[in-house]
Protein backbone atom coordinates (compact mmCIF):
# COMPACT_ATOMS: atom_id res chain seq x y z
CA MET A 1 16.32 -36.74 -31.12
CA PRO A 2 18.92 -35.43 -28.64
CA ARG A 3 21.01 -32.47 -29.59
CA PRO A 4 24.62 -33.18 -30.58
CA SER A 5 27.14 -32.39 -27.90
CA PRO A 6 28.57 -28.94 -28.49
CA PRO A 7 32.26 -28.53 -29.08
CA SER A 8 34.33 -27.56 -26.09
CA ALA A 9 34.27 -23.82 -25.62
CA PRO A 10 37.31 -21.72 -24.85
CA PRO A 11 37.60 -21.14 -21.10
CA HIS A 12 36.47 -17.86 -19.59
CA PRO A 13 37.99 -18.09 -16.12
CA ALA A 14 37.46 -14.46 -15.12
CA ILE A 15 33.69 -14.43 -15.72
CA ALA A 16 30.92 -16.90 -15.00
CA PRO A 17 27.32 -16.94 -16.25
CA PHE A 18 24.56 -16.86 -13.64
CA PHE A 19 20.88 -17.35 -14.44
CA GLN A 20 17.79 -15.70 -12.93
CA PRO A 21 14.35 -17.21 -13.58
CA ILE A 22 11.60 -15.42 -15.45
CA VAL A 23 8.18 -16.69 -14.33
CA ASP A 24 4.84 -17.00 -16.12
CA LEU A 25 2.43 -15.13 -13.81
CA ARG A 26 -0.59 -16.81 -15.41
CA GLN A 27 0.52 -20.43 -15.06
CA GLY A 28 2.99 -20.27 -12.18
CA THR A 29 5.71 -21.96 -14.23
CA ILE A 30 9.27 -21.11 -15.26
CA PHE A 31 9.09 -19.17 -18.53
CA GLY A 32 12.84 -18.77 -19.08
CA HIS A 33 16.10 -17.54 -17.57
CA GLU A 34 18.07 -14.33 -18.01
CA ALA A 35 21.82 -14.79 -18.21
CA LEU A 36 23.92 -12.42 -16.09
CA ILE A 37 27.69 -12.19 -15.80
CA ARG A 38 29.48 -12.50 -12.46
CA SER A 39 33.11 -13.02 -11.37
CA GLY A 40 34.57 -16.49 -11.87
CA ALA A 41 35.30 -18.74 -8.91
CA GLY A 42 38.09 -17.37 -6.73
CA ILE A 43 38.42 -14.21 -8.81
CA ALA A 44 37.62 -10.77 -7.37
CA LEU A 45 36.38 -8.40 -10.05
CA PRO A 46 34.33 -5.21 -9.95
CA GLY A 47 30.56 -5.56 -10.43
CA PRO A 48 29.06 -5.94 -13.92
CA GLU A 49 28.21 -2.24 -14.21
CA ALA A 50 31.78 -1.25 -13.35
CA LEU A 51 33.23 -3.75 -15.84
CA LEU A 52 30.97 -2.43 -18.62
CA ALA A 53 31.84 1.15 -17.75
CA GLN A 54 35.55 0.34 -17.85
CA ALA A 55 35.18 -1.45 -21.20
CA ALA A 56 33.31 1.56 -22.60
CA ALA A 57 36.00 3.93 -21.31
CA GLU A 58 38.61 1.87 -23.15
CA SER A 59 36.45 1.72 -26.33
CA ARG A 60 36.21 -2.06 -25.96
CA LEU A 61 32.56 -2.38 -24.92
CA THR A 62 31.34 -4.25 -28.00
CA GLY A 63 34.19 -6.76 -27.84
CA PHE A 64 33.72 -7.30 -24.10
CA GLU A 65 29.98 -7.84 -24.49
CA LEU A 66 30.46 -10.35 -27.30
CA HIS A 67 33.02 -12.16 -25.12
CA CYS A 68 30.38 -12.38 -22.35
CA VAL A 69 27.72 -13.60 -24.80
CA GLU A 70 30.12 -16.31 -26.00
CA ALA A 71 30.66 -17.39 -22.39
CA VAL A 72 26.91 -17.55 -21.77
CA PHE A 73 26.26 -19.61 -24.91
CA ALA A 74 29.10 -22.00 -24.07
CA HIS A 75 27.69 -22.61 -20.59
CA TRP A 76 24.08 -22.89 -21.78
CA GLY A 77 25.07 -25.34 -24.50
CA ARG A 78 26.78 -27.60 -21.95
CA LEU A 79 23.63 -27.61 -19.80
CA ASN A 80 21.80 -29.25 -22.71
CA LYS A 81 18.43 -28.31 -21.16
CA PRO A 82 15.42 -26.94 -23.03
CA GLY A 83 14.09 -23.50 -22.18
CA ARG A 84 14.19 -19.87 -23.15
CA LEU A 85 17.43 -17.96 -22.73
CA PHE A 86 17.45 -14.15 -22.37
CA VAL A 87 20.88 -12.69 -23.14
CA ASN A 88 21.87 -9.02 -22.78
CA MET A 89 23.37 -6.88 -25.53
CA SER A 90 23.70 -3.15 -26.04
CA ALA A 91 22.42 -1.67 -29.29
CA ASP A 92 25.85 -1.41 -30.96
CA THR A 93 26.76 -4.96 -29.90
CA LEU A 94 23.56 -6.32 -31.45
CA ILE A 95 24.36 -4.47 -34.68
CA GLU A 96 27.83 -6.05 -34.68
CA ALA A 97 26.47 -9.52 -33.84
CA MET A 98 23.96 -9.37 -36.71
CA ASP A 99 26.47 -8.15 -39.30
CA ALA A 100 26.27 -10.71 -42.12
CA SER A 101 28.67 -9.04 -44.51
CA GLY A 102 30.84 -12.17 -44.36
CA GLY A 103 27.92 -14.49 -45.14
CA THR A 104 26.63 -15.74 -41.78
CA CYS A 105 26.22 -13.31 -38.90
CA ARG A 106 28.27 -13.82 -35.76
CA LEU A 107 25.23 -14.51 -33.54
CA GLU A 108 24.08 -17.35 -35.78
CA ARG A 109 27.60 -18.83 -35.82
CA MET A 110 27.88 -18.70 -32.02
CA LEU A 111 24.51 -20.41 -31.55
CA ALA A 112 25.40 -23.11 -34.05
CA ASP A 113 28.79 -23.68 -32.40
CA HIS A 114 27.13 -24.41 -29.05
CA GLY A 115 24.10 -26.32 -30.30
CA ILE A 116 21.51 -23.75 -29.21
CA ALA A 117 18.22 -23.42 -31.09
CA VAL A 118 17.73 -19.86 -32.36
CA ARG A 119 14.03 -19.91 -31.44
CA ASP A 120 14.96 -20.37 -27.75
CA VAL A 121 16.96 -17.12 -27.62
CA THR A 122 15.73 -13.63 -26.77
CA VAL A 123 18.15 -10.71 -26.99
CA GLU A 124 17.58 -8.08 -24.30
CA LEU A 125 18.48 -4.61 -25.53
CA THR A 126 20.24 -3.06 -22.55
CA GLU A 127 20.65 0.50 -21.38
CA GLN A 128 24.38 1.13 -21.50
CA ARG A 129 24.00 3.58 -24.36
CA ALA A 130 21.71 4.52 -27.22
CA ALA A 131 22.51 3.19 -30.70
CA ALA A 132 25.03 5.22 -32.63
CA ASP A 133 23.01 4.42 -35.79
CA ALA A 134 19.25 4.06 -35.17
CA GLY A 135 18.66 2.85 -38.74
CA ALA A 136 21.29 0.11 -38.39
CA LEU A 137 19.65 -0.99 -35.12
CA GLN A 138 16.27 -1.37 -36.82
CA GLU A 139 17.85 -3.47 -39.57
CA ALA A 140 19.63 -5.63 -36.95
CA VAL A 141 16.33 -6.29 -35.15
CA LYS A 142 14.65 -7.23 -38.44
CA ALA A 143 17.51 -9.64 -39.18
CA LEU A 144 17.21 -11.10 -35.66
CA HIS A 145 13.49 -11.73 -36.17
CA ALA A 146 14.15 -13.24 -39.59
CA LEU A 147 16.64 -15.60 -37.95
CA GLY A 148 13.91 -16.81 -35.57
CA ALA A 149 15.14 -15.20 -32.35
CA ARG A 150 13.21 -12.61 -30.35
CA ILE A 151 13.95 -9.16 -28.94
CA ALA A 152 13.16 -7.57 -25.57
CA LEU A 153 13.46 -3.96 -24.40
CA ASP A 154 15.05 -3.83 -20.97
CA ASP A 155 14.25 -1.43 -18.10
CA PHE A 156 11.28 0.31 -19.72
CA GLY A 157 10.64 3.47 -17.70
CA GLU A 158 14.29 4.54 -17.44
CA GLY A 159 17.13 5.51 -19.72
CA HIS A 160 16.75 5.03 -23.47
CA SER A 161 13.81 2.58 -23.35
CA ASN A 162 11.13 4.94 -24.57
CA LEU A 163 7.98 4.89 -26.65
CA ARG A 164 9.85 5.79 -29.84
CA ARG A 165 12.13 2.74 -29.50
CA TRP A 166 9.12 0.53 -28.70
CA LYS A 167 7.29 1.76 -31.81
CA GLU A 168 10.31 1.51 -34.13
CA LEU A 169 11.66 -1.88 -33.02
CA GLN A 170 8.37 -3.74 -32.40
CA PRO A 171 9.89 -5.90 -29.62
CA ASP A 172 8.42 -9.25 -28.58
CA PHE A 173 8.87 -8.39 -24.90
CA VAL A 174 9.14 -5.21 -22.83
CA LYS A 175 10.61 -5.46 -19.34
CA ILE A 176 9.11 -2.89 -16.95
CA ASP A 177 11.75 -1.34 -14.72
CA LYS A 178 11.64 -1.97 -10.97
CA LEU A 179 11.16 1.78 -10.48
CA LEU A 180 7.51 1.18 -11.42
CA THR A 181 6.98 -2.32 -10.00
CA GLN A 182 8.55 -2.29 -6.55
CA GLY A 183 6.05 -1.14 -3.94
CA ILE A 184 3.23 -1.06 -6.49
CA CYS A 185 0.86 -2.62 -3.94
CA ASP A 186 0.97 0.69 -2.04
CA SER A 187 1.34 3.15 -4.94
CA PRO A 188 -1.74 4.33 -6.87
CA GLN A 189 0.55 6.28 -9.19
CA SER A 190 2.56 3.17 -10.10
CA VAL A 191 -0.65 1.21 -10.68
CA ALA A 192 -1.89 3.91 -13.05
CA MET A 193 1.40 3.97 -14.97
CA VAL A 194 1.69 0.18 -15.25
CA ARG A 195 -1.97 -0.06 -16.28
CA ALA A 196 -1.18 2.40 -19.11
CA ILE A 197 1.84 0.29 -20.15
CA VAL A 198 -0.40 -2.81 -20.20
CA GLY A 199 -2.70 -0.97 -22.60
CA LEU A 200 0.27 -0.15 -24.82
CA GLY A 201 1.39 -3.77 -24.71
CA ILE A 202 -2.03 -4.93 -25.90
CA ALA A 203 -2.08 -2.35 -28.67
CA MET A 204 1.47 -3.19 -29.81
CA GLY A 205 1.15 -6.98 -29.45
CA THR A 206 3.99 -7.04 -26.90
CA GLU A 207 4.28 -9.29 -23.84
CA LEU A 208 5.31 -7.57 -20.61
CA ILE A 209 7.79 -8.73 -17.98
CA ALA A 210 7.82 -7.06 -14.57
CA GLU A 211 11.31 -6.69 -13.11
CA GLY A 212 12.16 -6.33 -9.43
CA VAL A 213 9.36 -8.51 -7.98
CA GLU A 214 10.33 -9.11 -4.35
CA ASN A 215 7.11 -9.82 -2.41
CA THR A 216 3.77 -11.52 -2.94
CA GLN A 217 1.78 -8.31 -2.45
CA ASP A 218 3.42 -6.68 -5.48
CA LEU A 219 3.17 -10.00 -7.34
CA ARG A 220 -0.62 -10.17 -6.94
CA VAL A 221 -1.14 -6.58 -8.11
CA LEU A 222 1.07 -7.12 -11.17
CA ARG A 223 -0.70 -10.39 -11.97
CA ASP A 224 -4.12 -8.75 -11.69
CA LEU A 225 -3.02 -5.85 -13.89
CA GLY A 226 -2.39 -8.37 -16.66
CA ILE A 227 1.42 -8.62 -16.63
CA ALA A 228 2.37 -11.90 -18.35
CA GLN A 229 5.76 -12.60 -16.75
CA GLY A 230 7.75 -11.53 -13.72
CA GLN A 231 11.36 -11.56 -12.58
CA GLY A 232 12.93 -10.81 -9.22
CA PHE A 233 14.32 -12.18 -5.99
CA LEU A 234 10.89 -13.48 -4.94
CA PHE A 235 11.26 -16.17 -7.62
CA GLY A 236 14.97 -16.66 -7.19
CA PRO A 237 18.29 -14.77 -7.23
CA PRO A 238 20.84 -15.10 -10.04
CA ALA A 239 22.53 -18.49 -9.56
CA PRO A 240 24.94 -20.73 -11.50
CA HIS A 241 22.22 -23.39 -11.86
CA LEU A 242 18.74 -23.21 -13.41
CA LEU A 243 15.63 -23.13 -11.26
CA ALA A 244 13.55 -26.22 -11.98
CA ALA A 245 10.33 -25.14 -10.24
CA LEU A 246 8.98 -22.29 -8.17
CA PRO A 247 8.97 -22.42 -4.36
CA GLU A 248 5.58 -23.70 -3.21
CA PRO A 249 4.50 -20.46 -1.43
CA VAL A 250 5.20 -18.43 -4.58
CA ALA A 251 3.36 -20.88 -6.83
CA ALA A 252 0.42 -20.80 -4.40
CA ALA A 253 0.33 -16.98 -4.47
CA ILE A 254 0.16 -16.99 -8.28
CA SER A 255 -2.60 -19.61 -8.44
CA ASP A 256 -4.61 -18.03 -5.61
CA SER A 257 -7.94 -16.93 -7.11
CA ARG A 258 -8.35 -14.11 -4.60
CA ILE A 259 -7.74 -10.73 -6.20
CA ALA A 260 -5.35 -8.01 -5.07
CA VAL A 261 -6.74 -4.85 -3.50
CA MET A 262 -5.49 -2.03 -5.68
CA PRO A 263 -4.07 0.93 -3.72
CA HIS A 264 -6.42 3.89 -3.56
CA ALA A 265 -5.34 7.52 -3.81
CA SER A 266 -6.48 9.24 -0.59
CA GLN A 267 -6.70 12.55 -2.45
CA THR A 268 -8.17 12.20 -5.91
CA SER A 269 -6.93 14.52 -8.59
CA GLN A 270 -9.38 17.33 -9.17
CA PRO A 271 -10.42 18.03 -12.74
CA ASN A 272 -9.96 21.34 -14.49
CA VAL A 273 -13.58 22.43 -14.14
CA LEU A 274 -13.43 25.24 -16.68
CA ARG A 275 -12.15 22.85 -19.36
CA SER A 276 -15.62 21.33 -19.50
CA LEU A 277 -17.45 24.61 -18.88
CA SER A 278 -19.13 26.32 -21.81
CA ILE A 279 -17.26 29.64 -21.77
CA ILE A 280 -19.15 32.63 -23.16
CA GLN A 281 -17.35 33.85 -26.26
CA ALA A 282 -17.80 37.60 -25.80
CA PRO A 283 -16.04 40.34 -27.80
CA ALA A 284 -13.39 42.28 -25.93
CA LEU A 285 -13.27 46.07 -25.57
CA HIS A 286 -10.15 48.18 -25.85
CA PRO A 287 -9.55 50.56 -22.89
CA LEU A 288 -10.07 53.51 -25.29
CA THR A 289 -13.35 52.21 -26.72
CA PRO A 290 -15.94 55.07 -26.39
CA VAL A 291 -18.84 54.58 -23.99
CA ASP A 292 -21.33 54.90 -26.87
CA GLU A 293 -19.75 51.87 -28.57
CA VAL A 294 -20.07 49.87 -25.34
CA ALA A 295 -23.81 50.62 -25.28
CA ALA A 296 -24.06 49.58 -28.92
CA ALA A 297 -22.25 46.32 -28.16
CA PHE A 298 -24.68 45.49 -25.35
CA GLN A 299 -27.61 46.25 -27.65
CA LYS A 300 -26.12 44.03 -30.36
CA HIS A 301 -25.52 41.15 -27.89
CA PRO A 302 -28.53 41.15 -25.53
CA GLN A 303 -27.52 37.80 -24.05
CA LEU A 304 -24.25 39.13 -22.61
CA HIS A 305 -24.20 39.95 -18.89
CA ALA A 306 -20.88 41.81 -19.15
CA LEU A 307 -18.03 42.84 -21.43
CA ALA A 308 -14.32 42.57 -20.70
CA VAL A 309 -11.88 45.42 -21.26
CA VAL A 310 -8.65 43.95 -22.64
CA GLU A 311 -5.33 45.65 -23.25
CA GLY A 312 -3.28 43.57 -25.66
CA ALA A 313 -4.36 40.11 -24.50
CA THR A 314 -4.57 40.97 -20.80
CA PRO A 315 -7.97 41.69 -19.20
CA VAL A 316 -7.93 44.90 -17.15
CA ALA A 317 -11.60 45.55 -16.31
CA LEU A 318 -15.12 44.14 -16.50
CA ILE A 319 -18.18 46.20 -17.40
CA ASN A 320 -21.41 44.84 -15.97
CA ARG A 321 -24.41 45.20 -18.30
CA GLN A 322 -27.00 46.12 -15.69
CA SER A 323 -24.88 48.74 -13.91
CA PHE A 324 -23.65 50.26 -17.16
CA MET A 325 -27.05 50.42 -18.86
CA ASN A 326 -28.63 51.94 -15.73
CA ASP A 327 -26.06 54.75 -15.86
CA TYR A 328 -26.33 55.10 -19.65
CA ALA A 329 -30.10 55.64 -19.36
CA ARG A 330 -29.67 58.55 -16.95
CA LEU A 331 -30.50 62.05 -18.22
CA TYR A 332 -27.62 63.65 -20.20
CA PHE A 333 -25.28 60.69 -19.45
CA ARG A 334 -24.59 59.87 -23.09
CA GLU A 335 -24.14 63.55 -23.99
CA VAL A 336 -21.56 64.00 -21.21
CA HIS A 337 -19.86 60.59 -21.23
CA GLY A 338 -20.65 59.08 -24.63
CA ARG A 339 -17.25 59.78 -26.24
CA ARG A 340 -15.12 59.08 -23.18
CA PRO A 341 -12.98 55.90 -22.89
CA CYS A 342 -14.83 52.97 -21.34
CA LEU A 343 -12.07 51.92 -18.92
CA ALA A 344 -13.29 54.23 -16.15
CA TYR A 345 -16.81 52.71 -16.27
CA GLY A 346 -15.92 49.13 -15.38
CA SER A 347 -14.63 47.29 -12.32
CA SER A 348 -10.86 47.58 -12.28
CA THR A 349 -10.57 44.55 -9.97
CA PRO A 350 -12.66 41.88 -11.73
CA LEU A 351 -12.53 38.22 -10.77
CA ILE A 352 -10.15 36.56 -13.25
CA VAL A 353 -10.04 32.76 -13.33
CA GLU A 354 -7.39 30.79 -15.22
CA ARG A 355 -8.90 27.97 -17.28
CA GLU A 356 -6.55 25.42 -15.67
CA GLU A 357 -7.72 26.17 -12.10
CA ASN A 358 -8.65 23.03 -10.19
CA VAL A 359 -11.72 22.43 -8.07
CA GLU A 360 -10.07 23.36 -4.78
CA SER A 361 -8.98 26.78 -6.06
CA LEU A 362 -12.44 27.53 -7.41
CA LEU A 363 -14.03 26.31 -4.19
CA GLY A 364 -11.91 28.90 -2.36
CA ILE A 365 -13.40 31.60 -4.61
CA LEU A 366 -16.93 30.43 -3.85
CA MET A 367 -16.28 30.53 -0.10
CA SER A 368 -14.46 33.89 -0.05
CA GLU A 369 -15.98 37.08 1.33
CA ASP A 370 -15.86 38.72 -2.12
CA GLN A 371 -19.09 37.53 -3.73
CA ARG A 372 -19.22 40.02 -6.63
CA TYR A 373 -18.91 37.23 -9.15
CA LEU A 374 -22.53 36.21 -8.41
CA ASN A 375 -23.73 39.41 -10.11
CA GLU A 376 -20.81 40.50 -12.26
CA GLY A 377 -19.62 37.09 -13.44
CA PHE A 378 -15.93 36.59 -14.10
CA ILE A 379 -13.29 36.71 -16.82
CA VAL A 380 -11.70 33.46 -18.06
CA THR A 381 -8.08 33.45 -19.19
CA GLU A 382 -5.90 30.80 -20.78
CA LYS A 383 -2.21 31.19 -20.06
CA LYS A 384 -2.97 34.73 -18.84
CA ARG A 385 -4.64 35.66 -22.15
CA TYR A 386 -8.31 36.62 -22.43
CA ALA A 387 -10.47 33.62 -23.41
CA GLY A 388 -14.07 34.64 -22.59
CA LEU A 389 -16.57 35.18 -19.78
CA GLY A 390 -18.43 33.09 -17.23
CA THR A 391 -21.38 33.64 -14.92
CA GLY A 392 -21.62 33.05 -11.19
CA ASP A 393 -24.33 30.44 -11.72
CA GLN A 394 -22.08 28.53 -14.10
CA LEU A 395 -19.23 28.51 -11.61
CA VAL A 396 -21.37 27.33 -8.69
CA ARG A 397 -22.96 24.57 -10.78
CA ALA A 398 -19.67 23.37 -12.27
CA VAL A 399 -17.86 23.22 -8.93
CA THR A 400 -20.78 21.46 -7.26
CA GLU A 401 -20.98 18.82 -10.00
CA ALA A 402 -17.22 18.29 -9.88
CA ARG A 403 -17.28 17.83 -6.11
CA ILE A 404 -20.13 15.34 -6.35
CA GLU A 405 -18.30 13.38 -9.03
CA ALA A 406 -15.07 13.42 -6.99
CA ALA A 407 -16.98 12.15 -3.92
CA ARG A 408 -18.12 9.16 -5.97
CA HIS A 409 -14.45 8.21 -6.34
CA ALA A 410 -13.22 9.12 -2.84
CA ASN A 411 -15.22 10.26 0.16
CA PRO A 412 -14.06 13.82 1.00
CA LEU A 413 -14.27 13.19 4.77
CA THR A 414 -12.60 9.78 5.16
CA SER A 415 -10.68 9.64 1.83
CA LEU A 416 -11.87 6.03 1.50
CA PRO A 417 -12.95 4.77 -1.94
CA GLY A 418 -16.43 5.91 -2.93
CA ASN A 419 -19.21 4.30 -4.95
CA ILE A 420 -17.39 4.00 -8.28
CA PRO A 421 -14.29 2.21 -6.90
CA ILE A 422 -16.57 0.02 -4.76
CA ASN A 423 -18.48 -1.12 -7.84
CA ILE A 424 -15.27 -1.67 -9.80
CA HIS A 425 -13.84 -3.85 -7.02
CA ILE A 426 -17.03 -5.91 -6.78
CA GLU A 427 -16.95 -6.48 -10.54
CA ARG A 428 -13.32 -7.64 -10.29
CA LEU A 429 -14.26 -10.06 -7.50
CA LEU A 430 -17.14 -11.46 -9.54
CA ASP A 431 -14.98 -11.82 -12.65
CA SER A 432 -12.23 -13.62 -10.71
CA GLY A 433 -14.53 -16.41 -9.54
CA ALA A 434 -13.31 -15.99 -5.97
CA GLU A 435 -15.56 -16.40 -2.94
CA PHE A 436 -15.85 -13.32 -0.76
CA ALA A 437 -17.98 -11.74 1.95
CA ALA A 438 -19.77 -8.42 1.43
CA CYS A 439 -20.27 -6.71 4.80
CA TYR A 440 -22.44 -3.60 5.11
CA ALA A 441 -21.64 -1.50 8.20
CA ASP A 442 -24.03 1.10 9.61
CA LEU A 443 -24.35 2.96 12.91
CA ASN A 444 -27.30 2.63 15.25
CA SER A 445 -28.52 5.94 16.80
CA PHE A 446 -26.13 8.06 14.74
CA LYS A 447 -28.85 10.55 13.73
CA VAL A 448 -29.63 11.37 17.36
CA PHE A 449 -25.93 11.85 18.13
CA ASN A 450 -25.39 14.04 15.05
CA ASP A 451 -28.47 16.19 15.76
CA HIS A 452 -27.56 16.60 19.43
CA TYR A 453 -23.85 17.48 19.07
CA GLY A 454 -23.73 18.88 15.51
CA TYR A 455 -22.13 17.74 12.27
CA TRP A 456 -18.56 18.37 13.46
CA ARG A 457 -18.88 15.82 16.26
CA GLY A 458 -20.77 13.52 13.89
CA ASP A 459 -17.82 13.64 11.51
CA GLU A 460 -15.56 12.55 14.37
CA MET A 461 -17.69 9.44 14.88
CA ILE A 462 -17.60 8.60 11.15
CA LEU A 463 -13.82 9.04 11.12
CA LEU A 464 -13.54 6.73 14.13
CA LEU A 465 -15.46 4.05 12.24
CA SER A 466 -13.36 4.52 9.09
CA ARG A 467 -10.09 4.15 11.05
CA LEU A 468 -11.27 1.04 12.87
CA ALA A 469 -12.62 -0.54 9.69
CA ALA A 470 -9.27 -0.07 7.97
CA GLN A 471 -7.41 -1.45 11.00
CA HIS A 472 -9.52 -4.61 11.06
CA ALA A 473 -9.07 -5.35 7.35
CA ASP A 474 -6.08 -6.85 5.57
CA ALA A 475 -4.94 -4.01 3.33
CA HIS A 476 -3.84 -6.45 0.60
CA ARG A 477 -6.84 -8.79 0.81
CA ASP A 478 -9.84 -6.76 1.99
CA PHE A 479 -11.45 -3.64 0.55
CA VAL A 480 -13.04 -0.90 2.70
CA GLY A 481 -15.30 1.59 0.93
CA HIS A 482 -17.35 4.55 2.18
CA ILE A 483 -20.78 4.70 0.56
CA GLY A 484 -21.66 7.95 2.32
CA GLY A 485 -22.80 9.22 5.72
CA ASP A 486 -22.41 6.41 8.26
CA ASP A 487 -22.67 3.64 5.62
CA PHE A 488 -19.58 1.57 4.78
CA LEU A 489 -19.10 -1.53 2.63
CA MET A 490 -16.29 -4.00 3.36
CA LEU A 491 -15.41 -6.72 0.86
CA PHE A 492 -13.48 -9.48 2.62
CA GLN A 493 -11.32 -12.17 1.06
CA SER A 494 -9.64 -12.95 4.39
CA PRO A 495 -10.88 -16.36 5.61
CA ASP A 496 -11.33 -15.00 9.15
CA TRP A 497 -13.68 -12.23 8.02
CA HIS A 498 -16.35 -13.13 10.59
CA GLN A 499 -13.91 -12.70 13.49
CA ARG A 500 -12.66 -9.44 12.01
CA CYS A 501 -16.22 -8.06 11.88
CA ALA A 502 -16.92 -9.15 15.46
CA ARG A 503 -13.71 -7.48 16.67
CA LEU A 504 -14.57 -4.32 14.71
CA ILE A 505 -17.99 -4.10 16.38
CA GLU A 506 -16.46 -4.63 19.80
CA ALA A 507 -13.77 -1.97 19.21
CA PHE A 508 -16.24 0.64 17.96
CA ASN A 509 -18.77 0.03 20.72
CA ARG A 510 -15.97 0.37 23.28
CA GLN A 511 -14.54 3.61 21.87
CA ALA A 512 -17.69 5.45 20.72
CA PRO A 513 -18.78 6.57 24.25
CA GLY A 514 -15.56 8.64 24.40
CA LEU A 515 -17.13 11.02 21.86
CA TYR A 516 -19.99 11.93 24.22
CA ASP A 517 -19.86 14.67 26.87
CA GLU A 518 -19.01 13.55 30.40
CA ALA A 519 -22.57 14.03 31.70
CA ASP A 520 -23.99 12.01 28.83
CA ARG A 521 -21.39 9.28 29.39
CA GLN A 522 -22.48 9.06 33.00
CA ALA A 523 -26.12 8.88 31.91
CA GLY A 524 -25.36 6.21 29.31
CA GLY A 525 -26.80 8.19 26.40
CA ILE A 526 -28.67 11.33 25.35
CA GLU A 527 -32.21 12.66 24.95
CA GLY A 528 -33.18 13.37 21.36
CA GLU A 529 -35.56 12.81 18.48
CA ASP A 530 -35.30 9.46 16.79
CA ARG A 531 -35.86 8.89 13.04
CA HIS A 532 -39.62 9.06 13.62
CA GLY A 533 -39.49 12.44 15.38
CA VAL A 534 -40.20 10.95 18.81
CA VAL A 535 -38.16 12.40 21.71
CA ARG A 536 -36.75 9.61 23.80
CA PHE A 537 -33.63 8.56 25.68
CA THR A 538 -31.16 7.01 23.24
CA PRO A 539 -28.21 4.90 24.43
CA PHE A 540 -24.72 5.17 22.95
CA ALA A 541 -24.30 4.70 19.21
CA THR A 542 -23.32 1.16 18.24
CA LEU A 543 -22.15 -0.57 15.09
CA ALA A 544 -24.20 -3.05 13.08
CA ILE A 545 -22.73 -5.21 10.30
CA GLY A 546 -24.78 -7.29 7.91
CA ALA A 547 -22.68 -9.88 6.06
CA VAL A 548 -23.49 -11.98 3.04
CA ARG A 549 -21.30 -14.74 1.62
CA ILE A 550 -20.97 -14.44 -2.16
CA PRO A 551 -20.22 -17.81 -3.78
CA PRO A 552 -18.57 -17.94 -7.22
CA GLY A 553 -20.89 -17.63 -10.19
CA MET A 554 -24.07 -16.60 -8.37
CA PHE A 555 -24.06 -12.91 -9.38
CA ARG A 556 -22.93 -11.05 -12.48
CA HIS A 557 -23.46 -7.43 -11.46
CA ALA A 558 -22.17 -5.28 -8.60
CA GLU A 559 -25.62 -3.89 -7.82
CA ASP A 560 -26.89 -7.40 -7.03
CA VAL A 561 -24.16 -7.85 -4.43
CA ALA A 562 -24.85 -4.40 -2.97
CA SER A 563 -28.56 -5.19 -2.70
CA GLU A 564 -27.87 -8.44 -0.85
CA ALA A 565 -25.53 -6.64 1.56
CA ALA A 566 -28.15 -3.91 2.21
CA ILE A 567 -30.71 -6.57 3.17
CA ALA A 568 -28.17 -8.14 5.52
CA LYS A 569 -27.52 -4.74 7.11
CA HIS A 570 -31.22 -4.28 7.81
CA ASP A 571 -31.25 -7.64 9.61
CA ALA A 572 -28.13 -6.72 11.60
CA LYS A 573 -29.66 -3.50 12.93
CA GLN A 574 -32.38 -5.63 14.56
CA ALA A 575 -29.93 -8.14 16.06
CA ALA A 576 -28.68 -7.82 19.64
CA SER A 577 -25.12 -8.80 18.67
CA GLY A 578 -25.02 -6.27 15.82
CA LEU A 579 -23.69 -8.93 13.43
CA THR A 580 -25.74 -11.16 11.15
CA VAL A 581 -24.73 -13.43 8.28
CA ARG A 582 -27.07 -13.95 5.37
CA GLU A 583 -26.83 -16.62 2.71
CA ALA A 584 -26.88 -15.08 -0.77
CA ARG A 585 -29.93 -15.72 -2.89
CA PRO A 586 -29.86 -15.64 -6.69
CA ARG A 587 -31.63 -12.75 -8.35
CA ALA A 588 -34.84 -13.59 -10.16
């Protein structure tokens, strides 16, 4: 049954409603429209922000906003088209609109006057100002929900849209500010923050809308992060008419089964190693503690390698067990020194390590000329206060393990993603159902080159390969990972992946001879031991790539894909062209 024609609305010549589409990023359809106020035809007015600021300065903000809402409803009612309408209100305006002290609240009356179904309306809580009465705002939102309308928090990530408001108001939608969404395809930090917001949305039962979407690269990342809806100039600018359907290229980008390549942090954050280290809880000595009491403490705690001397909460010295007990056992030592203060019998310049030190700082300690910590150990502090002791062995082991773990996330030489991000990306590709090519790259004759010139020159060759691999991949379609050494794995979604691999091989083979000495370049290679220990003449290092096409549904685990690619690499190293393509075979 068609809706009754709404009564004619009072004219609003100075302002005109415009509408910007909000798009379902899962279906590629129009989800709704946000109403925005612009100047009426032939009328020059300041921008919306300036008008709102002026209304606030004149203490007329609530009245002005309600006037704008009335204009939006009047226009929307005349359109007589189904769909969701998002309309902006500040907190105090929503409180005023939901005031039902006269029987029916003003918002319900306005909707009824213009023939608009309440269930089609979502009120966006804007950022002009925080609510003067937080309790009244919560009651207004409850009344809005009871009416059948929905609520959205606008610009989450800036201003007053914070976690407290999200928790208290339980909104149906949260709109993520463009500060976090624009450029997300190149920002690991933004990806991490939006991923956290997605987790909050799931926990709170809230749908998310990404604002400021302006290109397909950002769109794909936001879609793959699980954002339900998007809004921005990519889908359409604010306009006086409603958008009936998405432009074909945008709809194709949303429906494309190929996944986005998430940006990778070139420098991974280093963990606080000592946070996970088992610190030795050793009693502290006062600077005036007698030497005899120090000996008694060592006898009482035979497992301790040292004792810290602490004044107040600040460590001032470290007494090493072995050195101290050797002196204490000397003839007449205890008779002469037994009652003297212990401060003079310890190292006054001990190694002190703050518990929040990162891996790089601790690595600097390990590589410094001062290696006393290997025997003496070190003092651990927390916010400059004594926390306990550590041994040199503990420090070496903890830093080594942290560096190994970090290398699994990002190779320390090339800064490319390591084994863990590689596996995560393969799993995402498998889950998406997209077809892709896994290409394993390896260098021929690299060992001979590395042994002949040394690791520094070998690193230069690996860096050359990493640069060329990145250059020959589409940063938003293809993933380049560094397994380790001269082994790389490239995961291509680009349809021209075979040509890209061929060009990569040609570029590397052309540039690699430039890393050899002039005499060796003239000779065409070097003399050296091969992998079997046989000395022979070895030509220039070349690149081999083994590729395997991965059809949808064949594999379920990343290790299966990696195994197929490794077999293809072995075949490529035997091929004259350096490039072979293998058809994937299901695992038994």
